[in-house]
Structures are given as C-alpha cells and as structure tokens.
Amino acid sequence: MSDTEKNILEALLELERTVASAPTAQRPIDLLPLFARIDELTAQLPPETDPALRHYLHKKSYEKARLFLQGRDAENRMGHCRHIE
C-alpha cells in the first residue's frame, strides 16, 4: 500500500469515527474538511492505482474504498453501477 493509500485509509477511518460520534456531539459536525481531504488525496493517486479503488473514491463509495484498502474487497456488494461482479 502506498503512502497516499495509507493516508486515504486514515482519512476514511476518521470520517467513520466522526460520523459515529455525531449523535452525541455537543455541536454540529462539519464533514466538509474531511471530504475535501479525501478528494485531495484521491487526486494524488498515481495512474497505476487499482481501477476499483479509483472507482470507489470517485463515486464517493467510501465504505467500499475502506474495505478495499483493508484487503476486504470481497465483502463489497455490487452497486447500481454493476462495478463489482
């Protein structure tokens, strides 16, 4: 896994933790900086990056991207775009 992919995984995990904490948060949570960070990191991926990962990130399928990066892509289900077979 490249450094950029590691950073994307960290950002995806942070996003999940932040969303999970939302019900008990004292004030509204601003997710825009996390989304911007993920988009920024996605743009840094080299051309040889696995097309499945690129697809997940461009479609904002963040859970699928996380599972892919964790080596758990087999757990991903086929979406409406029929990308996973």
N, C-alpha and C. Protein backbone atom coordinates (compact mmCIF):
# COMPACT_ATOMS: atom_id res chain seq x y z
N MET A 1 0.85 -1.17 0.00
CA MET A 1 0.00 0.00 0.00
C MET A 1 0.90 1.23 0.00
N SER A 2 0.58 2.16 -0.89
CA SER A 2 1.37 3.39 -1.00
C SER A 2 1.07 4.32 0.18
N ASP A 3 1.92 5.32 0.36
CA ASP A 3 1.69 6.31 1.42
C ASP A 3 0.37 7.05 1.20
N THR A 4 0.07 7.37 -0.05
CA THR A 4 -1.18 8.06 -0.35
C THR A 4 -2.37 7.18 0.02
N GLU A 5 -2.29 5.90 -0.31
CA GLU A 5 -3.37 4.98 0.04
C GLU A 5 -3.50 4.86 1.56
N LYS A 6 -2.39 4.84 2.27
CA LYS A 6 -2.44 4.80 3.74
C LYS A 6 -3.13 6.06 4.28
N ASN A 7 -2.79 7.20 3.70
CA ASN A 7 -3.41 8.46 4.14
C ASN A 7 -4.90 8.49 3.82
N ILE A 8 -5.29 7.93 2.69
CA ILE A 8 -6.71 7.84 2.36
C ILE A 8 -7.42 6.95 3.37
N LEU A 9 -6.83 5.81 3.68
CA LEU A 9 -7.44 4.91 4.66
C LEU A 9 -7.60 5.62 6.01
N GLU A 10 -6.58 6.33 6.45
CA GLU A 10 -6.67 7.09 7.70
C GLU A 10 -7.82 8.08 7.64
N ALA A 11 -7.93 8.81 6.53
CA ALA A 11 -8.99 9.81 6.39
C ALA A 11 -10.37 9.14 6.37
N LEU A 12 -10.48 7.99 5.72
CA LEU A 12 -11.76 7.27 5.70
C LEU A 12 -12.15 6.78 7.09
N LEU A 13 -11.17 6.30 7.84
CA LEU A 13 -11.44 5.86 9.21
C LEU A 13 -11.83 7.04 10.10
N GLU A 14 -11.17 8.17 9.89
CA GLU A 14 -11.53 9.37 10.66
C GLU A 14 -12.95 9.81 10.32
N LEU A 15 -13.31 9.74 9.05
CA LEU A 15 -14.67 10.08 8.64
C LEU A 15 -15.68 9.17 9.34
N GLU A 16 -15.41 7.88 9.36
CA GLU A 16 -16.32 6.94 10.03
C GLU A 16 -16.45 7.24 11.52
N ARG A 17 -15.32 7.51 12.16
CA ARG A 17 -15.36 7.83 13.61
C ARG A 17 -16.15 9.10 13.85
N THR A 18 -15.95 10.09 13.01
CA THR A 18 -16.64 11.37 13.17
C THR A 18 -18.14 11.20 12.99
N VAL A 19 -18.54 10.47 11.97
CA VAL A 19 -19.97 10.23 11.73
C VAL A 19 -20.57 9.44 12.90
N ALA A 20 -19.84 8.46 13.39
CA ALA A 20 -20.34 7.66 14.51
C ALA A 20 -20.53 8.49 15.78
N SER A 21 -19.71 9.53 15.94
CA SER A 21 -19.81 10.37 17.13
C SER A 21 -20.86 11.46 17.01
N ALA A 22 -21.44 11.64 15.84
CA ALA A 22 -22.38 12.73 15.59
C ALA A 22 -23.59 12.73 16.53
N PRO A 23 -24.18 11.58 16.83
CA PRO A 23 -25.37 11.61 17.70
C PRO A 23 -25.11 12.18 19.10
N THR A 24 -23.89 12.08 19.57
CA THR A 24 -23.59 12.57 20.92
C THR A 24 -22.76 13.84 20.92
N ALA A 25 -22.52 14.40 19.74
CA ALA A 25 -21.70 15.61 19.64
C ALA A 25 -22.43 16.80 20.26
N GLN A 26 -21.67 17.68 20.87
CA GLN A 26 -22.23 18.86 21.52
C GLN A 26 -22.70 19.91 20.50
N ARG A 27 -22.06 19.92 19.32
CA ARG A 27 -22.43 20.87 18.27
C ARG A 27 -22.41 20.17 16.92
N PRO A 28 -22.98 20.80 15.93
CA PRO A 28 -22.98 20.18 14.60
C PRO A 28 -21.56 19.88 14.11
N ILE A 29 -21.44 18.78 13.41
CA ILE A 29 -20.14 18.36 12.89
C ILE A 29 -20.02 18.77 11.43
N ASP A 30 -18.90 19.38 11.10
CA ASP A 30 -18.64 19.81 9.72
C ASP A 30 -17.80 18.74 9.03
N LEU A 31 -18.40 18.01 8.14
CA LEU A 31 -17.71 16.93 7.43
C LEU A 31 -16.99 17.42 6.18
N LEU A 32 -17.26 18.65 5.75
CA LEU A 32 -16.67 19.14 4.51
C LEU A 32 -15.15 19.08 4.49
N PRO A 33 -14.45 19.43 5.59
CA PRO A 33 -12.99 19.31 5.55
C PRO A 33 -12.51 17.86 5.34
N LEU A 34 -13.21 16.90 5.90
CA LEU A 34 -12.83 15.50 5.70
C LEU A 34 -13.06 15.08 4.25
N PHE A 35 -14.20 15.49 3.69
CA PHE A 35 -14.46 15.18 2.28
C PHE A 35 -13.41 15.83 1.38
N ALA A 36 -13.05 17.07 1.68
CA ALA A 36 -12.05 17.77 0.89
C ALA A 36 -10.70 17.07 0.97
N ARG A 37 -10.34 16.59 2.16
CA ARG A 37 -9.07 15.88 2.35
C ARG A 37 -9.06 14.58 1.53
N ILE A 38 -10.14 13.85 1.56
CA ILE A 38 -10.23 12.61 0.79
C ILE A 38 -10.11 12.91 -0.71
N ASP A 39 -10.80 13.95 -1.17
CA ASP A 39 -10.72 14.34 -2.58
C ASP A 39 -9.30 14.75 -2.96
N GLU A 40 -8.65 15.48 -2.07
CA GLU A 40 -7.27 15.93 -2.31
C GLU A 40 -6.33 14.73 -2.43
N LEU A 41 -6.47 13.78 -1.53
CA LEU A 41 -5.64 12.58 -1.57
C LEU A 41 -5.94 11.73 -2.80
N THR A 42 -7.21 11.64 -3.16
CA THR A 42 -7.59 10.88 -4.36
C THR A 42 -6.91 11.45 -5.59
N ALA A 43 -6.83 12.76 -5.67
CA ALA A 43 -6.19 13.41 -6.82
C ALA A 43 -4.69 13.12 -6.87
N GLN A 44 -4.10 12.72 -5.76
CA GLN A 44 -2.67 12.43 -5.70
C GLN A 44 -2.33 10.98 -6.06
N LEU A 45 -3.34 10.16 -6.25
CA LEU A 45 -3.07 8.76 -6.59
C LEU A 45 -2.39 8.67 -7.96
N PRO A 46 -1.39 7.81 -8.07
CA PRO A 46 -0.70 7.66 -9.36
C PRO A 46 -1.59 6.93 -10.38
N PRO A 47 -1.27 7.07 -11.65
CA PRO A 47 -2.09 6.45 -12.70
C PRO A 47 -2.22 4.92 -12.57
N GLU A 48 -1.23 4.27 -11.99
CA GLU A 48 -1.27 2.81 -11.89
C GLU A 48 -2.10 2.30 -10.70
N THR A 49 -2.77 3.19 -10.01
CA THR A 49 -3.63 2.80 -8.89
C THR A 49 -4.72 1.86 -9.39
N ASP A 50 -5.06 0.87 -8.59
CA ASP A 50 -6.09 -0.08 -8.96
C ASP A 50 -7.37 0.66 -9.38
N PRO A 51 -7.91 0.32 -10.54
CA PRO A 51 -9.12 1.00 -11.02
C PRO A 51 -10.32 0.86 -10.08
N ALA A 52 -10.41 -0.24 -9.36
CA ALA A 52 -11.52 -0.41 -8.42
C ALA A 52 -11.46 0.64 -7.32
N LEU A 53 -10.28 0.89 -6.78
CA LEU A 53 -10.14 1.91 -5.74
C LEU A 53 -10.49 3.27 -6.30
N ARG A 54 -9.99 3.59 -7.46
CA ARG A 54 -10.33 4.88 -8.09
C ARG A 54 -11.84 5.01 -8.26
N HIS A 55 -12.47 3.94 -8.73
CA HIS A 55 -13.91 3.94 -8.93
C HIS A 55 -14.65 4.25 -7.62
N TYR A 56 -14.30 3.53 -6.57
CA TYR A 56 -14.96 3.74 -5.28
C TYR A 56 -14.81 5.19 -4.81
N LEU A 57 -13.61 5.71 -4.92
CA LEU A 57 -13.36 7.07 -4.43
C LEU A 57 -14.06 8.12 -5.29
N HIS A 58 -14.07 7.95 -6.59
CA HIS A 58 -14.72 8.92 -7.47
C HIS A 58 -16.24 8.88 -7.31
N LYS A 59 -16.78 7.72 -6.97
CA LYS A 59 -18.22 7.59 -6.76
C LYS A 59 -18.62 7.89 -5.31
N LYS A 60 -17.63 8.26 -4.49
CA LYS A 60 -17.85 8.56 -3.07
C LYS A 60 -18.36 7.35 -2.30
N SER A 61 -17.98 6.17 -2.75
CA SER A 61 -18.32 4.92 -2.06
C SER A 61 -17.23 4.66 -1.02
N TYR A 62 -17.27 5.45 0.04
CA TYR A 62 -16.17 5.45 1.00
C TYR A 62 -16.06 4.16 1.79
N GLU A 63 -17.18 3.53 2.11
CA GLU A 63 -17.09 2.26 2.82
C GLU A 63 -16.43 1.20 1.93
N LYS A 64 -16.79 1.18 0.66
CA LYS A 64 -16.19 0.24 -0.28
C LYS A 64 -14.69 0.52 -0.43
N ALA A 65 -14.32 1.78 -0.49
CA ALA A 65 -12.91 2.14 -0.60
C ALA A 65 -12.15 1.68 0.65
N ARG A 66 -12.75 1.87 1.82
CA ARG A 66 -12.11 1.43 3.07
C ARG A 66 -11.91 -0.07 3.07
N LEU A 67 -12.95 -0.81 2.72
CA LEU A 67 -12.84 -2.27 2.69
C LEU A 67 -11.77 -2.70 1.70
N PHE A 68 -11.71 -2.06 0.54
CA PHE A 68 -10.69 -2.37 -0.46
C PHE A 68 -9.30 -2.17 0.14
N LEU A 69 -9.09 -1.02 0.77
CA LEU A 69 -7.77 -0.70 1.33
C LEU A 69 -7.40 -1.61 2.50
N GLN A 70 -8.39 -2.15 3.16
CA GLN A 70 -8.14 -3.07 4.27
C GLN A 70 -8.00 -4.51 3.79
N GLY A 71 -7.99 -4.71 2.47
CA GLY A 71 -7.86 -6.06 1.93
C GLY A 71 -9.13 -6.88 2.06
N ARG A 72 -10.25 -6.20 2.17
CA ARG A 72 -11.54 -6.87 2.38
C ARG A 72 -12.50 -6.59 1.23
N ASP A 73 -11.97 -6.42 0.02
CA ASP A 73 -12.80 -6.07 -1.13
C ASP A 73 -13.86 -7.12 -1.42
N ALA A 74 -13.61 -8.37 -1.05
CA ALA A 74 -14.59 -9.43 -1.28
C ALA A 74 -15.90 -9.18 -0.52
N GLU A 75 -15.84 -8.34 0.51
CA GLU A 75 -17.04 -8.01 1.28
C GLU A 75 -17.92 -6.97 0.60
N ASN A 76 -17.39 -6.32 -0.42
CA ASN A 76 -18.15 -5.31 -1.13
C ASN A 76 -19.23 -5.96 -1.97
N ARG A 77 -20.37 -5.33 -1.98
CA ARG A 77 -21.50 -5.82 -2.76
C ARG A 77 -21.61 -5.01 -4.05
N MET A 78 -22.20 -5.62 -5.05
CA MET A 78 -22.39 -4.95 -6.33
C MET A 78 -23.32 -3.76 -6.14
N GLY A 79 -22.93 -2.62 -6.66
CA GLY A 79 -23.76 -1.43 -6.58
C GLY A 79 -24.61 -1.28 -7.83
N HIS A 80 -25.30 -0.18 -7.93
CA HIS A 80 -26.15 0.09 -9.08
C HIS A 80 -25.36 0.18 -10.38
N CYS A 81 -24.11 0.55 -10.28
CA CYS A 81 -23.30 0.69 -11.48
C CYS A 81 -22.77 -0.65 -11.98
N ARG A 82 -23.00 -1.71 -11.20
CA ARG A 82 -22.60 -3.07 -11.56
C ARG A 82 -21.09 -3.23 -11.67
N HIS A 83 -20.35 -2.41 -10.91
CA HIS A 83 -18.90 -2.47 -10.97
C HIS A 83 -18.36 -3.78 -10.41
N ILE A 84 -18.91 -4.23 -9.30
CA ILE A 84 -18.45 -5.47 -8.67
C ILE A 84 -19.24 -6.63 -9.27
N GLU A 85 -18.53 -7.67 -9.65
CA GLU A 85 -19.23 -8.81 -10.24
C GLU A 85 -19.15 -10.03 -9.35
